[in-house]
Amino acid sequence: MDSPIHPSRREFLSRASGGFGALALAGLLGESQAAESDPLAPRAPHFPAKADRVIFIFSTGGVSQVDTFDRKPALVRDHGKSMTASRWLNKPGKFERFLIKPRWDFQRYGKSGIWVSDLFPNIGSVIDDVCVLNAMHCESDGHDKATLAAHTGVQLARPSIGAWASYGLGTENRNLPSFMVLAPAAPYAGAQTWGSDFLPACHQGTHLLPGKEPLPNLHPGSPSTELQMLELDLLGRLNRSHLEQRAADQSLNARIRSFETAFGMQREAPEAFDLSGESEATLELYGMKRGATSGFGWQCLVARRLAERGVRFLELIDVGSSANWDSHGNMGDHERLARAIDRPIAGLLADLKQRGMLERTLVVWTTEFGRTPFHKEANHAGREHHNLCFSSWMAGGGVKGGFVHGQSDEHGILPAEGAVHTHDLHATILHLLGLDHERLTFRYAGRDFRLTDVEGNVVREILA
């Protein structure tokens, strides 16, 4: 990585808090410590970026490709026919499976005429800004492993893609974390999906829980700023004394910086979460009622506000209050789940575009894997896990809009052309941020690690 810019954090907090921040920072870090290299300082990308920030939308549970963005007339035609599935299941012997047609029709949308399922009419209305990837695939058909891979690049607890983006580029706003996660609950694999693992702890995701208080304990307990200043000064003296004897203690450095960020968040975060100034038209765009503090519309609108304020990487986790997209027993669940996110996501894309932000904001929607176009029981109401082929999409931030990349075979079982692995998706996201996925490395346990492990290629065909 190129050397980071080193703005004075003392100056930053002085500007942010009218002088109190400078005093607090001097107490927390001391004069010499304040001048040290800052892992969250803005860093230059490897090459000119197309996107400044990412909004990463993850629908947990496994969304069916053949019921959403990958139209397969042959699957309708051949509904109920049996096939031998040995080569798909990677198991010896012959396995008979029956093809199952989708429950929903597809319509052409936009000038591009892209086919979108009736599950997503609102996303269909903005499809000319979307690049659909219809030949995604990954290594595992297990929820935990596939969810980890979708976030960390491997089926293990490693740094999340948001943590890598923060590590590579730093933050544009030191009063807010560089990586924030808006989720009513964790997906499969839990909070590991937004962890920083061996990267410095300041790069891990900050979890915002929808509700009246997205970040608990945000308001200081001290009755006055003067008393808080004295408390921070005392804390800084103790930290400084401790650090002088343990100069290599990265956890203490991270803890000190977390106090600094927390101090800045007291000022800026409450305003970012306050939606009272948003117009009725904007709330309507996201399908929200005034005063709402939860729901996917809230997640999308708050993400837009945080993106405006310089948060580098935002993840929105789509996990229903009573179920997720893991529709083994009944694909009808997809309708309720799609209804909850269709309008908010379309509203987010439209809002970003009308504010002139979409061009520099990369929006990604994905899931851990797809669902089988077949079942071992004829006319079964559900679908099983399917990692061999599924759909994702990207919008804004340097990708072609109104474009479909890759296609599956006639039944949506395997990629036929333009296959995109999870590593390729990650490499492309980093590329659009101006980062070379092979150069963005961190040395740990005697080797250089990267998000894409030892694989991954930028999908250049989708770049605008």
Protein backbone atom coordinates (compact mmCIF):
# COMPACT_ATOMS: atom_id res chain seq x y z
CA MET A 1 0.00 0.00 0.00
CA ASP A 2 1.08 3.58 -0.58
CA SER A 3 1.86 5.67 2.46
CA PRO A 4 -1.23 7.15 4.09
CA ILE A 5 -1.87 10.83 4.46
CA HIS A 6 -1.31 11.92 8.06
CA PRO A 7 -3.78 14.64 9.05
CA SER A 8 -3.50 15.74 12.64
CA ARG A 9 -6.21 14.03 14.63
CA ARG A 10 -5.85 16.79 17.16
CA GLU A 11 -6.76 19.33 14.48
CA PHE A 12 -9.61 17.14 13.30
CA LEU A 13 -11.26 16.87 16.71
CA SER A 14 -10.61 20.53 17.34
CA ARG A 15 -12.61 21.40 14.24
CA ALA A 16 -15.28 18.84 15.05
CA SER A 17 -15.91 19.86 18.63
CA GLY A 18 -14.90 23.47 19.01
CA GLY A 19 -11.66 22.91 20.89
CA PHE A 20 -12.76 20.29 23.40
CA GLY A 21 -11.72 17.50 21.04
CA ALA A 22 -8.18 18.83 20.83
CA LEU A 23 -7.87 18.85 24.59
CA ALA A 24 -9.41 15.42 24.89
CA LEU A 25 -7.13 14.01 22.21
CA ALA A 26 -4.07 15.49 23.84
CA GLY A 27 -5.09 13.75 27.04
CA LEU A 28 -5.89 10.47 25.34
CA LEU A 29 -2.81 10.17 23.17
CA GLY A 30 -0.31 12.78 24.22
CA GLU A 31 1.45 15.09 21.75
CA SER A 32 3.87 12.50 20.41
CA GLN A 33 1.27 9.77 20.07
CA ALA A 34 -1.11 12.10 18.20
CA ALA A 35 1.46 12.48 15.44
CA GLU A 36 1.93 8.75 14.91
CA SER A 37 0.70 6.89 11.85
CA ASP A 38 -3.08 6.53 11.93
CA PRO A 39 -4.55 3.33 10.39
CA LEU A 40 -7.85 5.11 9.70
CA ALA A 41 -6.34 8.11 7.94
CA PRO A 42 -7.38 8.42 4.26
CA ARG A 43 -5.10 6.44 1.97
CA ALA A 44 -4.55 6.88 -1.74
CA PRO A 45 -5.91 3.99 -3.84
CA HIS A 46 -3.61 1.98 -6.08
CA PHE A 47 -5.19 3.60 -9.15
CA PRO A 48 -8.05 6.03 -9.83
CA ALA A 49 -11.24 4.65 -8.32
CA LYS A 50 -14.66 4.50 -9.91
CA ALA A 51 -16.39 4.29 -6.52
CA ASP A 52 -15.74 6.07 -3.24
CA ARG A 53 -17.91 3.82 -1.10
CA VAL A 54 -19.83 0.54 -1.12
CA ILE A 55 -23.32 -0.39 0.08
CA PHE A 56 -23.29 -4.19 0.33
CA ILE A 57 -26.74 -5.79 0.65
CA PHE A 58 -26.76 -9.40 1.83
CA SER A 59 -29.95 -11.49 1.72
CA THR A 60 -29.25 -14.35 4.07
CA GLY A 61 -30.52 -17.87 3.51
CA GLY A 62 -30.02 -18.46 -0.21
CA VAL A 63 -32.25 -16.68 -2.73
CA SER A 64 -33.50 -18.75 -5.66
CA GLN A 65 -31.97 -17.58 -8.94
CA VAL A 66 -34.65 -19.15 -11.15
CA ASP A 67 -37.41 -17.34 -9.23
CA THR A 68 -35.80 -13.88 -9.25
CA PHE A 69 -33.33 -12.77 -11.94
CA ASP A 70 -32.55 -15.86 -14.06
CA ARG A 71 -35.55 -16.58 -16.30
CA LYS A 72 -35.67 -20.17 -17.54
CA PRO A 73 -38.51 -20.98 -19.98
CA ALA A 74 -37.13 -24.53 -20.34
CA LEU A 75 -37.66 -25.09 -16.63
CA VAL A 76 -41.33 -24.25 -17.08
CA ARG A 77 -41.51 -26.47 -20.16
CA ASP A 78 -39.82 -29.41 -18.46
CA HIS A 79 -41.52 -29.12 -15.07
CA GLY A 80 -41.84 -32.55 -13.46
CA LYS A 81 -39.36 -34.29 -15.74
CA SER A 82 -36.72 -36.44 -14.06
CA MET A 83 -32.98 -36.07 -14.53
CA THR A 84 -29.86 -37.81 -13.22
CA ALA A 85 -28.07 -35.40 -10.90
CA SER A 86 -24.81 -37.22 -10.10
CA ARG A 87 -22.58 -34.62 -11.73
CA TRP A 88 -24.25 -31.79 -9.82
CA LEU A 89 -24.13 -33.44 -6.42
CA ASN A 90 -20.50 -34.67 -6.73
CA LYS A 91 -21.49 -38.00 -5.25
CA PRO A 92 -21.08 -41.52 -6.64
CA GLY A 93 -24.09 -43.34 -7.96
CA LYS A 94 -27.18 -42.10 -9.74
CA PHE A 95 -29.56 -39.64 -8.14
CA GLU A 96 -32.92 -38.98 -9.72
CA ARG A 97 -34.19 -35.41 -9.39
CA PHE A 98 -37.35 -33.75 -10.73
CA LEU A 99 -37.28 -30.32 -12.35
CA ILE A 100 -39.44 -27.73 -10.55
CA LYS A 101 -40.71 -24.63 -12.37
CA PRO A 102 -40.70 -21.17 -10.75
CA ARG A 103 -43.84 -19.92 -9.05
CA TRP A 104 -43.63 -16.42 -10.49
CA ASP A 105 -43.70 -15.00 -14.00
CA PHE A 106 -41.03 -12.72 -15.41
CA GLN A 107 -41.47 -9.38 -17.18
CA ARG A 108 -39.12 -7.27 -19.29
CA TYR A 109 -38.22 -3.94 -17.70
CA GLY A 110 -36.56 -0.72 -18.79
CA LYS A 111 -34.97 0.22 -22.06
CA SER A 112 -32.60 -2.70 -21.60
CA GLY A 113 -35.50 -5.18 -21.55
CA ILE A 114 -33.95 -7.26 -18.78
CA TRP A 115 -36.16 -10.03 -17.45
CA VAL A 116 -37.06 -9.66 -13.75
CA SER A 117 -39.39 -11.83 -11.71
CA ASP A 118 -42.73 -10.51 -10.48
CA LEU A 119 -41.20 -10.78 -7.00
CA PHE A 120 -39.22 -7.57 -7.69
CA PRO A 121 -41.31 -5.10 -9.72
CA ASN A 122 -39.73 -2.07 -8.04
CA ILE A 123 -36.19 -3.25 -8.68
CA GLY A 124 -37.39 -3.93 -12.21
CA SER A 125 -38.31 -0.25 -12.50
CA VAL A 126 -34.65 0.75 -11.94
CA ILE A 127 -33.08 -2.20 -13.78
CA ASP A 128 -31.42 0.11 -16.33
CA ASP A 129 -29.01 1.08 -13.53
CA VAL A 130 -28.33 -2.54 -12.56
CA CYS A 131 -25.81 -5.10 -13.80
CA VAL A 132 -27.12 -8.63 -13.20
CA LEU A 133 -24.69 -11.53 -12.70
CA ASN A 134 -26.50 -14.73 -13.61
CA ALA A 135 -23.66 -17.25 -13.38
CA MET A 136 -22.35 -16.79 -9.83
CA HIS A 137 -20.95 -19.82 -8.02
CA CYS A 138 -19.10 -20.60 -4.80
CA GLU A 139 -17.43 -23.51 -3.00
CA SER A 140 -19.88 -24.54 -0.29
CA ASP A 141 -23.58 -25.30 -0.01
CA GLY A 142 -23.49 -24.95 3.78
CA HIS A 143 -24.91 -21.72 5.22
CA ASP A 144 -22.09 -20.90 7.64
CA LYS A 145 -19.25 -21.63 5.23
CA ALA A 146 -20.88 -19.96 2.23
CA THR A 147 -21.83 -16.89 4.29
CA LEU A 148 -18.28 -16.56 5.57
CA ALA A 149 -16.92 -16.95 2.03
CA ALA A 150 -19.31 -14.28 0.73
CA HIS A 151 -17.85 -11.89 3.32
CA THR A 152 -14.26 -13.00 3.95
CA GLY A 153 -13.39 -14.82 0.71
CA VAL A 154 -12.80 -18.15 2.47
CA GLN A 155 -14.88 -20.54 4.53
CA LEU A 156 -13.21 -19.34 7.73
CA ALA A 157 -13.28 -16.41 10.11
CA ARG A 158 -11.02 -13.95 8.31
CA PRO A 159 -11.27 -10.17 7.78
CA SER A 160 -14.56 -9.12 6.18
CA ILE A 161 -14.56 -7.32 2.84
CA GLY A 162 -15.66 -4.18 4.69
CA ALA A 163 -12.64 -4.45 6.98
CA TRP A 164 -10.36 -4.86 3.93
CA ALA A 165 -11.86 -1.74 2.32
CA SER A 166 -11.31 0.21 5.55
CA TYR A 167 -7.74 -1.09 5.82
CA GLY A 168 -6.98 -0.22 2.20
CA LEU A 169 -8.51 3.25 2.04
CA GLY A 170 -9.07 4.52 5.58
CA THR A 171 -12.03 6.71 6.41
CA GLU A 172 -13.40 9.95 4.98
CA ASN A 173 -14.92 10.95 8.33
CA ARG A 174 -13.14 10.30 11.62
CA ASN A 175 -16.33 11.09 13.55
CA LEU A 176 -17.89 7.88 12.22
CA PRO A 177 -16.57 4.32 11.80
CA SER A 178 -15.32 3.48 8.33
CA PHE A 179 -17.30 0.20 8.23
CA MET A 180 -20.85 -0.02 9.57
CA VAL A 181 -23.37 -2.87 9.53
CA LEU A 182 -27.12 -2.26 9.69
CA ALA A 183 -28.85 -5.47 10.73
CA PRO A 184 -31.69 -6.54 13.02
CA ALA A 185 -29.79 -9.81 13.55
CA ALA A 186 -26.60 -11.50 12.40
CA PRO A 187 -26.65 -13.82 9.38
CA TYR A 188 -25.37 -17.39 9.50
CA ALA A 189 -21.84 -17.44 11.00
CA GLY A 190 -22.74 -14.51 13.23
CA ALA A 191 -20.68 -11.38 13.85
CA GLN A 192 -17.63 -13.04 12.25
CA THR A 193 -19.08 -11.79 8.97
CA TRP A 194 -18.15 -8.20 9.85
CA GLY A 195 -15.04 -8.90 11.91
CA SER A 196 -11.51 -7.67 11.27
CA ASP A 197 -9.77 -10.86 12.50
CA PHE A 198 -6.00 -10.25 12.12
CA LEU A 199 -6.39 -6.73 10.69
CA PRO A 200 -6.24 -3.91 13.27
CA ALA A 201 -9.42 -3.90 15.34
CA CYS A 202 -10.32 -0.37 14.23
CA HIS A 203 -11.35 -1.83 10.85
CA GLN A 204 -14.06 -4.17 12.12
CA GLY A 205 -17.69 -3.37 11.39
CA THR A 206 -19.75 -1.36 13.86
CA HIS A 207 -23.14 -3.00 14.27
CA LEU A 208 -26.19 -0.72 14.15
CA LEU A 209 -29.32 -2.37 15.50
CA PRO A 210 -32.55 -0.89 14.04
CA GLY A 211 -34.57 0.78 16.77
CA LYS A 212 -34.79 3.99 18.73
CA GLU A 213 -31.16 3.64 19.84
CA PRO A 214 -29.14 2.05 16.99
CA LEU A 215 -25.92 2.49 18.96
CA PRO A 216 -26.33 2.01 22.71
CA ASN A 217 -24.62 4.34 25.16
CA LEU A 218 -24.01 6.94 22.48
CA HIS A 219 -24.83 9.85 24.76
CA PRO A 220 -22.18 10.62 27.40
CA GLY A 221 -22.99 9.80 31.01
CA SER A 222 -21.16 12.87 32.26
CA PRO A 223 -23.43 15.76 33.21
CA SER A 224 -21.27 18.27 31.30
CA THR A 225 -18.63 18.41 28.61
CA GLU A 226 -16.23 19.94 31.14
CA LEU A 227 -16.50 16.89 33.39
CA GLN A 228 -16.18 14.55 30.42
CA MET A 229 -13.01 16.42 29.41
CA LEU A 230 -11.53 15.82 32.87
CA GLU A 231 -12.47 12.14 32.72
CA LEU A 232 -10.91 11.73 29.28
CA ASP A 233 -7.79 13.56 30.38
CA LEU A 234 -7.34 11.20 33.32
CA LEU A 235 -7.98 8.20 31.08
CA GLY A 236 -5.43 9.52 28.60
CA ARG A 237 -2.76 9.87 31.26
CA LEU A 238 -3.27 6.26 32.33
CA ASN A 239 -3.29 5.01 28.73
CA ARG A 240 -0.17 6.97 27.88
CA SER A 241 1.69 5.61 30.89
CA HIS A 242 0.61 2.09 30.03
CA LEU A 243 1.53 2.43 26.36
CA GLU A 244 5.03 3.73 27.12
CA GLN A 245 5.80 0.34 28.65
CA ARG A 246 4.04 -1.62 25.92
CA ALA A 247 4.74 0.21 22.68
CA ALA A 248 3.87 -2.79 20.51
CA ASP A 249 0.46 -3.38 22.09
CA GLN A 250 -1.85 -3.03 19.08
CA SER A 251 -4.95 -3.75 21.18
CA LEU A 252 -4.21 -0.71 23.34
CA ASN A 253 -3.66 1.44 20.25
CA ALA A 254 -7.00 0.23 18.90
CA ARG A 255 -8.68 0.92 22.23
CA ILE A 256 -7.33 4.46 22.32
CA ARG A 257 -8.54 5.10 18.78
CA SER A 258 -11.95 3.64 19.64
CA PHE A 259 -12.29 6.27 22.39
CA GLU A 260 -11.46 8.95 19.86
CA THR A 261 -14.04 7.68 17.36
CA ALA A 262 -16.62 7.30 20.12
CA PHE A 263 -16.03 10.90 21.14
CA GLY A 264 -16.62 12.11 17.59
CA MET A 265 -19.71 9.92 17.24
CA GLN A 266 -21.38 11.70 20.16
CA ARG A 267 -21.64 14.70 17.89
CA GLU A 268 -22.32 13.23 14.45
CA ALA A 269 -24.05 9.86 14.80
CA PRO A 270 -27.30 11.11 16.44
CA GLU A 271 -27.79 13.56 13.59
CA ALA A 272 -27.20 10.81 11.00
CA PHE A 273 -29.89 8.64 12.60
CA ASP A 274 -32.39 11.50 12.88
CA LEU A 275 -34.79 11.14 9.95
CA SER A 276 -37.15 13.92 11.02
CA GLY A 277 -35.79 16.26 8.35
CA GLU A 278 -36.44 13.85 5.48
CA SER A 279 -39.32 14.83 3.20
CA GLU A 280 -42.52 12.85 2.84
CA ALA A 281 -41.52 12.12 -0.75
CA THR A 282 -38.25 10.56 0.40
CA LEU A 283 -39.94 8.44 3.06
CA GLU A 284 -42.46 7.32 0.46
CA LEU A 285 -39.64 6.37 -1.88
CA TYR A 286 -38.31 3.93 0.73
CA GLY A 287 -41.77 2.73 1.73
CA MET A 288 -41.43 4.19 5.21
CA LYS A 289 -43.83 5.78 7.65
CA ARG A 290 -42.68 8.87 9.51
CA GLY A 291 -41.21 7.98 12.88
CA ALA A 292 -40.28 4.44 11.90
CA THR A 293 -37.01 3.19 13.37
CA SER A 294 -36.91 -0.32 11.93
CA GLY A 295 -37.59 -2.26 8.76
CA PHE A 296 -35.51 -2.57 5.61
CA GLY A 297 -36.60 0.88 4.45
CA TRP A 298 -34.99 2.31 7.59
CA GLN A 299 -31.80 0.36 6.92
CA CYS A 300 -31.60 1.67 3.33
CA LEU A 301 -32.35 5.30 4.19
CA VAL A 302 -29.89 5.41 7.09
CA ALA A 303 -27.30 3.81 4.80
CA ARG A 304 -27.78 6.63 2.31
CA ARG A 305 -27.36 9.22 5.09
CA LEU A 306 -24.21 7.52 6.39
CA ALA A 307 -22.82 7.26 2.85
CA GLU A 308 -23.36 11.01 2.49
CA ARG A 309 -21.33 11.51 5.66
CA GLY A 310 -18.31 9.61 4.44
CA VAL A 311 -18.72 6.05 5.76
CA ARG A 312 -16.57 3.94 3.47
CA PHE A 313 -18.36 0.57 3.58
CA LEU A 314 -21.94 -0.11 4.63
CA GLU A 315 -23.50 -3.55 4.87
CA LEU A 316 -27.25 -4.06 5.04
CA ILE A 317 -28.16 -7.53 6.21
CA ASP A 318 -31.57 -8.68 5.05
CA VAL A 319 -32.73 -11.17 7.64
CA GLY A 320 -36.46 -11.38 8.33
CA SER A 321 -37.86 -11.14 11.83
CA SER A 322 -39.41 -14.61 11.58
CA ALA A 323 -37.54 -16.31 8.72
CA ASN A 324 -34.90 -15.89 6.04
CA TRP A 325 -34.64 -16.99 2.42
CA ASP A 326 -33.88 -20.63 3.30
CA SER A 327 -37.06 -21.92 1.66
CA HIS A 328 -36.67 -25.69 1.95
CA GLY A 329 -40.31 -26.34 2.73
CA ASN A 330 -42.16 -23.67 0.81
CA MET A 331 -40.92 -21.30 -1.87
CA GLY A 332 -43.95 -19.14 -1.12
CA ASP A 333 -41.84 -17.59 1.67
CA HIS A 334 -39.90 -15.76 -1.06
CA GLU A 335 -42.90 -13.55 -1.80
CA ARG A 336 -43.13 -12.10 1.70
CA LEU A 337 -39.37 -11.66 1.95
CA ALA A 338 -39.13 -9.99 -1.47
CA ARG A 339 -41.94 -7.59 -0.61
CA ALA A 340 -39.96 -6.40 2.42
CA ILE A 341 -36.87 -5.38 0.42
CA ASP A 342 -38.05 -4.65 -3.14
CA ARG A 343 -39.29 -1.11 -2.61
CA PRO A 344 -36.56 0.01 -0.19
CA ILE A 345 -33.75 -1.20 -2.47
CA ALA A 346 -35.31 0.42 -5.54
CA GLY A 347 -35.82 3.57 -3.48
CA LEU A 348 -32.18 3.55 -2.42
CA LEU A 349 -30.96 3.32 -6.02
CA ALA A 350 -33.35 6.06 -7.16
CA ASP A 351 -32.45 8.31 -4.23
CA LEU A 352 -28.72 7.90 -4.77
CA LYS A 353 -29.16 8.66 -8.46
CA GLN A 354 -31.25 11.80 -8.00
CA ARG A 355 -28.73 13.11 -5.46
CA GLY A 356 -25.84 12.52 -7.85
CA MET A 357 -24.33 9.86 -5.58
CA LEU A 358 -24.91 6.64 -7.52
CA GLU A 359 -22.06 7.31 -9.92
CA ARG A 360 -19.56 7.11 -7.03
CA THR A 361 -21.45 4.62 -4.84
CA LEU A 362 -21.23 0.93 -5.64
CA VAL A 363 -24.35 -0.97 -4.54
CA VAL A 364 -24.01 -4.76 -4.40
CA TRP A 365 -26.77 -7.30 -3.74
CA THR A 366 -25.90 -10.92 -3.14
CA THR A 367 -26.71 -14.03 -1.13
CA GLU A 368 -24.61 -16.99 0.02
CA PHE A 369 -25.83 -19.32 -2.75
CA GLY A 370 -28.92 -20.09 -4.82
CA ARG A 371 -31.51 -22.85 -4.73
CA THR A 372 -31.91 -26.04 -6.72
CA PRO A 373 -34.08 -25.93 -9.86
CA PHE A 374 -34.87 -29.57 -9.06
CA HIS A 375 -35.96 -31.67 -6.10
CA LYS A 376 -35.92 -35.32 -5.14
CA GLU A 377 -39.72 -35.18 -4.87
CA ALA A 378 -41.84 -34.24 -7.87
CA ASN A 379 -43.95 -31.12 -7.30
CA HIS A 380 -42.26 -30.36 -3.95
CA ALA A 381 -43.05 -26.86 -2.68
CA GLY A 382 -39.48 -26.00 -1.68
CA ARG A 383 -35.96 -25.91 -3.04
CA GLU A 384 -32.62 -27.03 -1.57
CA HIS A 385 -29.23 -25.30 -1.32
CA HIS A 386 -27.41 -24.77 -4.61
CA ASN A 387 -23.91 -23.27 -4.73
CA LEU A 388 -23.18 -24.23 -8.34
CA CYS A 389 -25.12 -21.35 -9.88
CA PHE A 390 -26.96 -18.32 -8.50
CA SER A 391 -27.65 -14.65 -9.17
CA SER A 392 -26.26 -11.40 -7.75
CA TRP A 393 -26.26 -7.83 -9.05
CA MET A 394 -24.30 -4.56 -8.84
CA ALA A 395 -25.27 -0.95 -9.56
CA GLY A 396 -23.53 2.41 -9.81
CA GLY A 397 -19.88 2.90 -8.92
CA GLY A 398 -18.41 2.14 -12.34
CA VAL A 399 -20.43 -0.87 -13.55
CA LYS A 400 -22.59 -1.06 -16.67
CA GLY A 401 -26.27 -0.45 -16.03
CA GLY A 402 -28.98 -2.35 -17.86
CA PHE A 403 -26.58 -5.21 -18.47
CA VAL A 404 -26.63 -8.96 -17.85
CA HIS A 405 -23.33 -10.79 -17.52
CA GLY A 406 -23.10 -14.56 -17.77
CA GLN A 407 -25.82 -17.10 -18.22
CA SER A 408 -26.68 -20.47 -16.79
CA ASP A 409 -27.71 -23.58 -18.68
CA GLU A 410 -31.29 -23.97 -19.85
CA HIS A 411 -32.51 -25.09 -16.42
CA GLY A 412 -30.39 -22.75 -14.25
CA ILE A 413 -28.30 -25.56 -12.80
CA LEU A 414 -24.74 -24.76 -13.93
CA PRO A 415 -23.02 -21.72 -15.46
CA ALA A 416 -22.97 -21.91 -19.25
CA GLU A 417 -20.83 -18.82 -19.88
CA GLY A 418 -19.43 -15.86 -17.98
CA ALA A 419 -19.10 -17.69 -14.66
CA VAL A 420 -18.26 -15.42 -11.71
CA HIS A 421 -16.84 -16.92 -8.50
CA THR A 422 -17.12 -15.16 -5.16
CA HIS A 423 -13.40 -14.36 -5.44
CA ASP A 424 -14.09 -12.63 -8.77
CA LEU A 425 -16.90 -10.58 -7.23
CA HIS A 426 -14.60 -9.45 -4.41
CA ALA A 427 -11.77 -8.64 -6.81
CA THR A 428 -14.17 -6.52 -8.88
CA ILE A 429 -15.51 -4.63 -5.85
CA LEU A 430 -11.97 -3.80 -4.72
CA HIS A 431 -11.02 -2.79 -8.28
CA LEU A 432 -13.88 -0.31 -8.44
CA LEU A 433 -12.61 1.18 -5.16
CA GLY A 434 -9.22 1.63 -6.82
CA LEU A 435 -7.61 -1.33 -5.05
CA ASP A 436 -5.64 -4.16 -6.67
CA HIS A 437 -6.82 -7.31 -4.87
CA GLU A 438 -3.39 -8.91 -5.33
CA ARG A 439 -1.56 -5.94 -3.78
CA LEU A 440 -3.93 -5.37 -0.88
CA THR A 441 -2.26 -7.72 1.59
CA PHE A 442 -1.56 -8.03 5.30
CA ARG A 443 1.28 -10.08 6.75
CA TYR A 444 0.12 -12.42 9.48
CA ALA A 445 1.55 -15.65 10.90
CA GLY A 446 4.44 -15.59 8.45
CA ARG A 447 2.52 -15.11 5.21
CA ASP A 448 0.76 -12.39 3.25
CA PHE A 449 -3.02 -12.71 3.31
CA ARG A 450 -5.52 -11.06 0.98
CA LEU A 451 -9.31 -11.04 0.59
CA THR A 452 -9.26 -13.20 -2.54
CA ASP A 453 -6.83 -15.76 -1.06
CA VAL A 454 -4.80 -16.93 -4.10
CA GLU A 455 -7.53 -16.60 -6.72
CA GLY A 456 -9.93 -14.06 -8.21
CA ASN A 457 -10.12 -12.06 -11.42
CA VAL A 458 -11.71 -8.68 -12.05
CA VAL A 459 -14.84 -9.10 -14.19
CA ARG A 460 -13.81 -6.48 -16.73
CA GLU A 461 -16.76 -7.15 -19.04
CA ILE A 462 -19.10 -5.38 -16.61
CA LEU A 463 -16.97 -2.25 -16.09
CA ALA A 464 -18.45 0.95 -17.55
